Amino acid sequence: MTVSLVLTVIGPDRPGLIEALSQSVALHDGNWLESRMAKMAGQFAGIVRIDVSPERADALAQALRSIAPETLHVVVASSADESEAGDASTLRLDLLGSDRPGIIREISRALASRGINVDELDTSVVSAPMSGELLFRASAELRVPSGLDLDELRANLESLAYELMVDVTLDEP
């Protein structure tokens, strides 16, 4: 039996950060399962899921927190049961449009008001191929409660996309 630890890390980017994290995991016989990490605005930030034996979990958490505590901030949490509630379906949302503040706020508000959970979100700003205009791109994996009218959801998102001047597609993955 193992315990899943989910950790978030953030600190000034420098060579060796991932190596330091992975070395602590290895020294405590942990297994690095999933991660999303990136350099953003000079900061290294990420989220990692690690499985470890229950007897080693506390020692691993302490070791991870002690890696460069003056610059690297590490938060460790034991994960909750991953079983999904109900029989929700999964949908993929893709969005592309001119960058401006508030796009994520408006889309997430529309989703949350319908009880839709965002399981994964990836966003970026890219240059348009011909004009060089900044485009905001978002991709999300959504968990949609059973019984939700998907045609109505699509219509509402299309209406919101029109107001925001973005393109939104909603598909099954």
C-alpha atoms as a PDB file:
ATOM      1  CA  MET A   1       0.000   0.000   0.000  1.00  0.00           C
ATOM      2  CA  THR A   2       1.205   3.512  -0.800  1.00  0.00           C
ATOM      3  CA  VAL A   3       0.238   7.079  -0.003  1.00  0.00           C
ATOM      4  CA  SER A   4       0.037   9.717  -2.711  1.00  0.00           C
ATOM      5  CA  LEU A   5       1.669  13.038  -1.935  1.00  0.00           C
ATOM      6  CA  VAL A   6       0.890  16.050  -4.058  1.00  0.00           C
ATOM      7  CA  LEU A   7       3.410  18.845  -3.855  1.00  0.00           C
ATOM      8  CA  THR A   8       3.634  22.292  -5.306  1.00  0.00           C
ATOM      9  CA  VAL A   9       6.961  24.024  -5.737  1.00  0.00           C
ATOM     10  CA  ILE A  10       7.923  27.562  -6.646  1.00  0.00           C
ATOM     11  CA  GLY A  11      11.162  29.475  -6.529  1.00  0.00           C
ATOM     12  CA  PRO A  12      13.721  31.306  -8.649  1.00  0.00           C
ATOM     13  CA  ASP A  13      14.725  29.158 -11.612  1.00  0.00           C
ATOM     14  CA  ARG A  14      18.162  27.556 -11.487  1.00  0.00           C
ATOM     15  CA  PRO A  15      19.784  24.365 -12.743  1.00  0.00           C
ATOM     16  CA  GLY A  16      19.333  21.348 -10.492  1.00  0.00           C
ATOM     17  CA  LEU A  17      15.911  21.979  -8.961  1.00  0.00           C
ATOM     18  CA  ILE A  18      14.266  18.914 -10.490  1.00  0.00           C
ATOM     19  CA  GLU A  19      17.325  16.835  -9.634  1.00  0.00           C
ATOM     20  CA  ALA A  20      17.135  17.937  -5.980  1.00  0.00           C
ATOM     21  CA  LEU A  21      13.437  17.045  -5.806  1.00  0.00           C
ATOM     22  CA  SER A  22      13.890  13.698  -7.530  1.00  0.00           C
ATOM     23  CA  GLN A  23      16.894  12.853  -5.322  1.00  0.00           C
ATOM     24  CA  SER A  24      14.774  13.327  -2.175  1.00  0.00           C
ATOM     25  CA  VAL A  25      12.024  11.176  -3.667  1.00  0.00           C
ATOM     26  CA  ALA A  26      14.516   8.416  -4.524  1.00  0.00           C
ATOM     27  CA  LEU A  27      16.190   8.505  -1.097  1.00  0.00           C
ATOM     28  CA  HIS A  28      12.787   7.822   0.508  1.00  0.00           C
ATOM     29  CA  ASP A  29      11.866   5.060  -1.969  1.00  0.00           C
ATOM     30  CA  GLY A  30       9.164   7.225  -3.498  1.00  0.00           C
ATOM     31  CA  ASN A  31       7.832   6.928  -7.029  1.00  0.00           C
ATOM     32  CA  TRP A  32       7.490  10.129  -9.120  1.00  0.00           C
ATOM     33  CA  LEU A  33       4.226   9.573 -11.036  1.00  0.00           C
ATOM     34  CA  GLU A  34       2.968  12.812 -12.572  1.00  0.00           C
ATOM     35  CA  SER A  35       4.167  16.371 -12.839  1.00  0.00           C
ATOM     36  CA  ARG A  36       3.548  19.657 -14.602  1.00  0.00           C
ATOM     37  CA  MET A  37       6.437  22.098 -14.347  1.00  0.00           C
ATOM     38  CA  ALA A  38       7.468  25.259 -16.128  1.00  0.00           C
ATOM     39  CA  LYS A  39       9.586  28.380 -15.945  1.00  0.00           C
ATOM     40  CA  MET A  40       7.376  31.460 -15.819  1.00  0.00           C
ATOM     41  CA  ALA A  41       8.666  35.010 -15.452  1.00  0.00           C
ATOM     42  CA  GLY A  42      11.974  33.754 -14.034  1.00  0.00           C
ATOM     43  CA  GLN A  43      10.278  31.500 -11.484  1.00  0.00           C
ATOM     44  CA  PHE A  44      10.251  27.711 -11.571  1.00  0.00           C
ATOM     45  CA  ALA A  45       6.803  26.405 -10.651  1.00  0.00           C
ATOM     46  CA  GLY A  46       5.273  22.982 -10.634  1.00  0.00           C
ATOM     47  CA  ILE A  47       3.002  20.365  -9.204  1.00  0.00           C
ATOM     48  CA  VAL A  48       4.085  16.761  -8.652  1.00  0.00           C
ATOM     49  CA  ARG A  49       2.362  13.550  -7.554  1.00  0.00           C
ATOM     50  CA  ILE A  50       4.505  11.020  -5.720  1.00  0.00           C
ATOM     51  CA  ASP A  51       3.604   7.609  -4.294  1.00  0.00           C
ATOM     52  CA  VAL A  52       5.471   6.484  -1.175  1.00  0.00           C
ATOM     53  CA  SER A  53       4.962   3.960   1.612  1.00  0.00           C
ATOM     54  CA  PRO A  54       2.939   5.318   4.549  1.00  0.00           C
ATOM     55  CA  GLU A  55       5.927   4.780   6.861  1.00  0.00           C
ATOM     56  CA  ARG A  56       8.143   7.056   4.714  1.00  0.00           C
ATOM     57  CA  ALA A  57       5.596   9.753   3.811  1.00  0.00           C
ATOM     58  CA  ASP A  58       6.290  12.159   6.684  1.00  0.00           C
ATOM     59  CA  ALA A  59      10.070  11.899   6.289  1.00  0.00           C
ATOM     60  CA  LEU A  60       9.788  12.499   2.536  1.00  0.00           C
ATOM     61  CA  ALA A  61       7.521  15.507   3.056  1.00  0.00           C
ATOM     62  CA  GLN A  62      10.020  16.999   5.522  1.00  0.00           C
ATOM     63  CA  ALA A  63      12.947  16.340   3.183  1.00  0.00           C
ATOM     64  CA  LEU A  64      11.151  18.010   0.282  1.00  0.00           C
ATOM     65  CA  ARG A  65      10.329  21.073   2.406  1.00  0.00           C
ATOM     66  CA  SER A  66      13.973  21.400   3.459  1.00  0.00           C
ATOM     67  CA  ILE A  67      15.358  21.738  -0.083  1.00  0.00           C
ATOM     68  CA  ALA A  68      16.633  25.350  -0.223  1.00  0.00           C
ATOM     69  CA  PRO A  69      13.939  26.604   2.197  1.00  0.00           C
ATOM     70  CA  GLU A  70      15.113  30.211   1.797  1.00  0.00           C
ATOM     71  CA  THR A  71      14.289  30.237  -1.933  1.00  0.00           C
ATOM     72  CA  LEU A  72      12.286  27.157  -2.926  1.00  0.00           C
ATOM     73  CA  HIS A  73       8.814  26.994  -1.419  1.00  0.00           C
ATOM     74  CA  VAL A  74       7.439  23.440  -1.264  1.00  0.00           C
ATOM     75  CA  VAL A  75       3.940  22.586  -0.048  1.00  0.00           C
ATOM     76  CA  VAL A  76       3.131  18.907   0.461  1.00  0.00           C
ATOM     77  CA  ALA A  77      -0.371  17.463   0.877  1.00  0.00           C
ATOM     78  CA  SER A  78      -1.628  13.895   1.118  1.00  0.00           C
ATOM     79  CA  SER A  79      -4.056  13.282  -1.680  1.00  0.00           C
ATOM     80  CA  ALA A  80      -7.685  12.451  -1.103  1.00  0.00           C
ATOM     81  CA  ASP A  81      -9.443   9.415  -2.516  1.00  0.00           C
ATOM     82  CA  GLU A  82      -9.435   9.758  -6.302  1.00  0.00           C
ATOM     83  CA  SER A  83     -12.754   8.040  -6.889  1.00  0.00           C
ATOM     84  CA  GLU A  84     -15.058  10.174  -8.966  1.00  0.00           C
ATOM     85  CA  ALA A  85     -18.377  11.213  -7.492  1.00  0.00           C
ATOM     86  CA  GLY A  86     -21.398  10.178  -9.524  1.00  0.00           C
ATOM     87  CA  ASP A  87     -21.281   9.302 -13.185  1.00  0.00           C
ATOM     88  CA  ALA A  88     -19.898  12.528 -14.601  1.00  0.00           C
ATOM     89  CA  SER A  89     -18.701  12.672 -18.188  1.00  0.00           C
ATOM     90  CA  THR A  90     -15.529  14.267 -19.504  1.00  0.00           C
ATOM     91  CA  LEU A  91     -15.449  17.014 -22.113  1.00  0.00           C
ATOM     92  CA  ARG A  92     -12.612  18.950 -23.733  1.00  0.00           C
ATOM     93  CA  LEU A  93     -12.880  22.726 -24.100  1.00  0.00           C
ATOM     94  CA  ASP A  94     -10.594  24.620 -26.486  1.00  0.00           C
ATOM     95  CA  LEU A  95     -10.564  28.403 -26.720  1.00  0.00           C
ATOM     96  CA  LEU A  96      -8.683  30.807 -29.005  1.00  0.00           C
ATOM     97  CA  GLY A  97      -9.061  34.554 -29.382  1.00  0.00           C
ATOM     98  CA  SER A  98      -7.489  37.963 -29.003  1.00  0.00           C
ATOM     99  CA  ASP A  99      -5.811  38.274 -25.631  1.00  0.00           C
ATOM    100  CA  ARG A 100      -7.469  40.484 -23.051  1.00  0.00           C
ATOM    101  CA  PRO A 101      -8.056  40.380 -19.289  1.00  0.00           C
ATOM    102  CA  GLY A 102     -11.064  38.444 -17.980  1.00  0.00           C
ATOM    103  CA  ILE A 103     -11.406  35.567 -20.451  1.00  0.00           C
ATOM    104  CA  ILE A 104     -10.712  32.823 -17.904  1.00  0.00           C
ATOM    105  CA  ARG A 105     -12.824  34.554 -15.270  1.00  0.00           C
ATOM    106  CA  GLU A 106     -15.882  34.634 -17.543  1.00  0.00           C
ATOM    107  CA  ILE A 107     -15.492  31.086 -18.892  1.00  0.00           C
ATOM    108  CA  SER A 108     -14.815  29.601 -15.437  1.00  0.00           C
ATOM    109  CA  ARG A 109     -17.818  31.442 -14.005  1.00  0.00           C
ATOM    110  CA  ALA A 110     -20.064  29.955 -16.696  1.00  0.00           C
ATOM    111  CA  LEU A 111     -18.713  26.455 -16.008  1.00  0.00           C
ATOM    112  CA  ALA A 112     -18.863  26.684 -12.194  1.00  0.00           C
ATOM    113  CA  SER A 113     -22.452  27.974 -12.269  1.00  0.00           C
ATOM    114  CA  ARG A 114     -23.425  24.679 -13.946  1.00  0.00           C
ATOM    115  CA  GLY A 115     -21.499  22.483 -11.487  1.00  0.00           C
ATOM    116  CA  ILE A 116     -18.751  21.698 -14.009  1.00  0.00           C
ATOM    117  CA  ASN A 117     -15.331  20.966 -12.553  1.00  0.00           C
ATOM    118  CA  VAL A 118     -12.129  21.942 -14.373  1.00  0.00           C
ATOM    119  CA  ASP A 119      -9.834  18.918 -13.965  1.00  0.00           C
ATOM    120  CA  GLU A 120      -6.992  20.337 -16.047  1.00  0.00           C
ATOM    121  CA  LEU A 121      -6.303  23.754 -17.573  1.00  0.00           C
ATOM    122  CA  ASP A 122      -3.505  24.794 -19.911  1.00  0.00           C
ATOM    123  CA  THR A 123      -3.260  28.388 -21.126  1.00  0.00           C
ATOM    124  CA  SER A 124      -0.787  30.404 -23.169  1.00  0.00           C
ATOM    125  CA  VAL A 125      -0.426  33.600 -25.142  1.00  0.00           C
ATOM    126  CA  VAL A 126       0.944  33.177 -28.669  1.00  0.00           C
ATOM    127  CA  SER A 127       1.538  35.445 -31.665  1.00  0.00           C
ATOM    128  CA  ALA A 128      -0.879  35.152 -34.563  1.00  0.00           C
ATOM    129  CA  PRO A 129       0.904  33.767 -37.644  1.00  0.00           C
ATOM    130  CA  MET A 130       0.314  36.675 -40.038  1.00  0.00           C
ATOM    131  CA  SER A 131      -0.451  39.728 -37.896  1.00  0.00           C
ATOM    132  CA  GLY A 132       1.646  39.048 -34.813  1.00  0.00           C
ATOM    133  CA  GLU A 133      -1.402  39.956 -32.701  1.00  0.00           C
ATOM    134  CA  LEU A 134      -1.389  38.306 -29.274  1.00  0.00           C
ATOM    135  CA  LEU A 135      -3.797  35.382 -29.087  1.00  0.00           C
ATOM    136  CA  PHE A 136      -4.966  33.745 -25.879  1.00  0.00           C
ATOM    137  CA  ARG A 137      -5.219  29.957 -26.082  1.00  0.00           C
ATOM    138  CA  ALA A 138      -6.796  27.689 -23.457  1.00  0.00           C
ATOM    139  CA  SER A 139      -7.433  23.966 -23.329  1.00  0.00           C
ATOM    140  CA  ALA A 140      -9.329  22.376 -20.476  1.00  0.00           C
ATOM    141  CA  GLU A 141     -10.508  18.958 -19.436  1.00  0.00           C
ATOM    142  CA  LEU A 142     -13.911  19.271 -17.798  1.00  0.00           C
ATOM    143  CA  ARG A 143     -15.913  16.911 -15.576  1.00  0.00           C
ATOM    144  CA  VAL A 144     -19.568  17.492 -16.387  1.00  0.00           C
ATOM    145  CA  PRO A 145     -22.318  16.269 -14.034  1.00  0.00           C
ATOM    146  CA  SER A 146     -24.652  13.666 -15.459  1.00  0.00           C
ATOM    147  CA  GLY A 147     -27.979  15.066 -16.519  1.00  0.00           C
ATOM    148  CA  LEU A 148     -26.561  18.385 -17.699  1.00  0.00           C
ATOM    149  CA  ASP A 149     -28.018  19.366 -21.082  1.00  0.00           C
ATOM    150  CA  LEU A 150     -24.920  19.461 -23.321  1.00  0.00           C
ATOM    151  CA  ASP A 151     -26.721  21.248 -26.153  1.00  0.00           C
ATOM    152  CA  GLU A 152     -27.722  24.025 -23.751  1.00  0.00           C
ATOM    153  CA  LEU A 153     -24.145  24.177 -22.410  1.00  0.00           C
ATOM    154  CA  ARG A 154     -22.758  24.499 -25.949  1.00  0.00           C
ATOM    155  CA  ALA A 155     -25.264  27.237 -26.773  1.00  0.00           C
ATOM    156  CA  ASN A 156     -24.410  29.167 -23.598  1.00  0.00           C
ATOM    157  CA  LEU A 157     -20.678  28.884 -24.239  1.00  0.00           C
ATOM    158  CA  GLU A 158     -21.112  29.968 -27.867  1.00  0.00           C
ATOM    159  CA  SER A 159     -23.048  33.025 -26.687  1.00  0.00           C
ATOM    160  CA  LEU A 160     -20.346  33.859 -24.167  1.00  0.00           C
ATOM    161  CA  ALA A 161     -17.636  33.280 -26.792  1.00  0.00           C
ATOM    162  CA  TYR A 162     -19.384  35.796 -29.053  1.00  0.00           C
ATOM    163  CA  GLU A 163     -19.362  38.394 -26.231  1.00  0.00           C
ATOM    164  CA  LEU A 164     -15.679  37.695 -25.493  1.00  0.00           C
ATOM    165  CA  MET A 165     -14.777  37.614 -29.211  1.00  0.00           C
ATOM    166  CA  VAL A 166     -13.139  34.179 -28.947  1.00  0.00           C
ATOM    167  CA  ASP A 167     -13.696  30.789 -30.549  1.00  0.00           C
ATOM    168  CA  VAL A 168     -14.767  27.997 -28.205  1.00  0.00           C
ATOM    169  CA  THR A 169     -15.135  24.323 -29.053  1.00  0.00           C
ATOM    170  CA  LEU A 170     -16.499  21.676 -26.740  1.00  0.00           C
ATOM    171  CA  ASP A 171     -15.929  18.030 -27.637  1.00  0.00           C
ATOM    172  CA  GLU A 172     -15.655  14.609 -26.085  1.00  0.00           C
ATOM    173  CA  PRO A 173     -11.993  13.705 -25.621  1.00  0.00           C
END
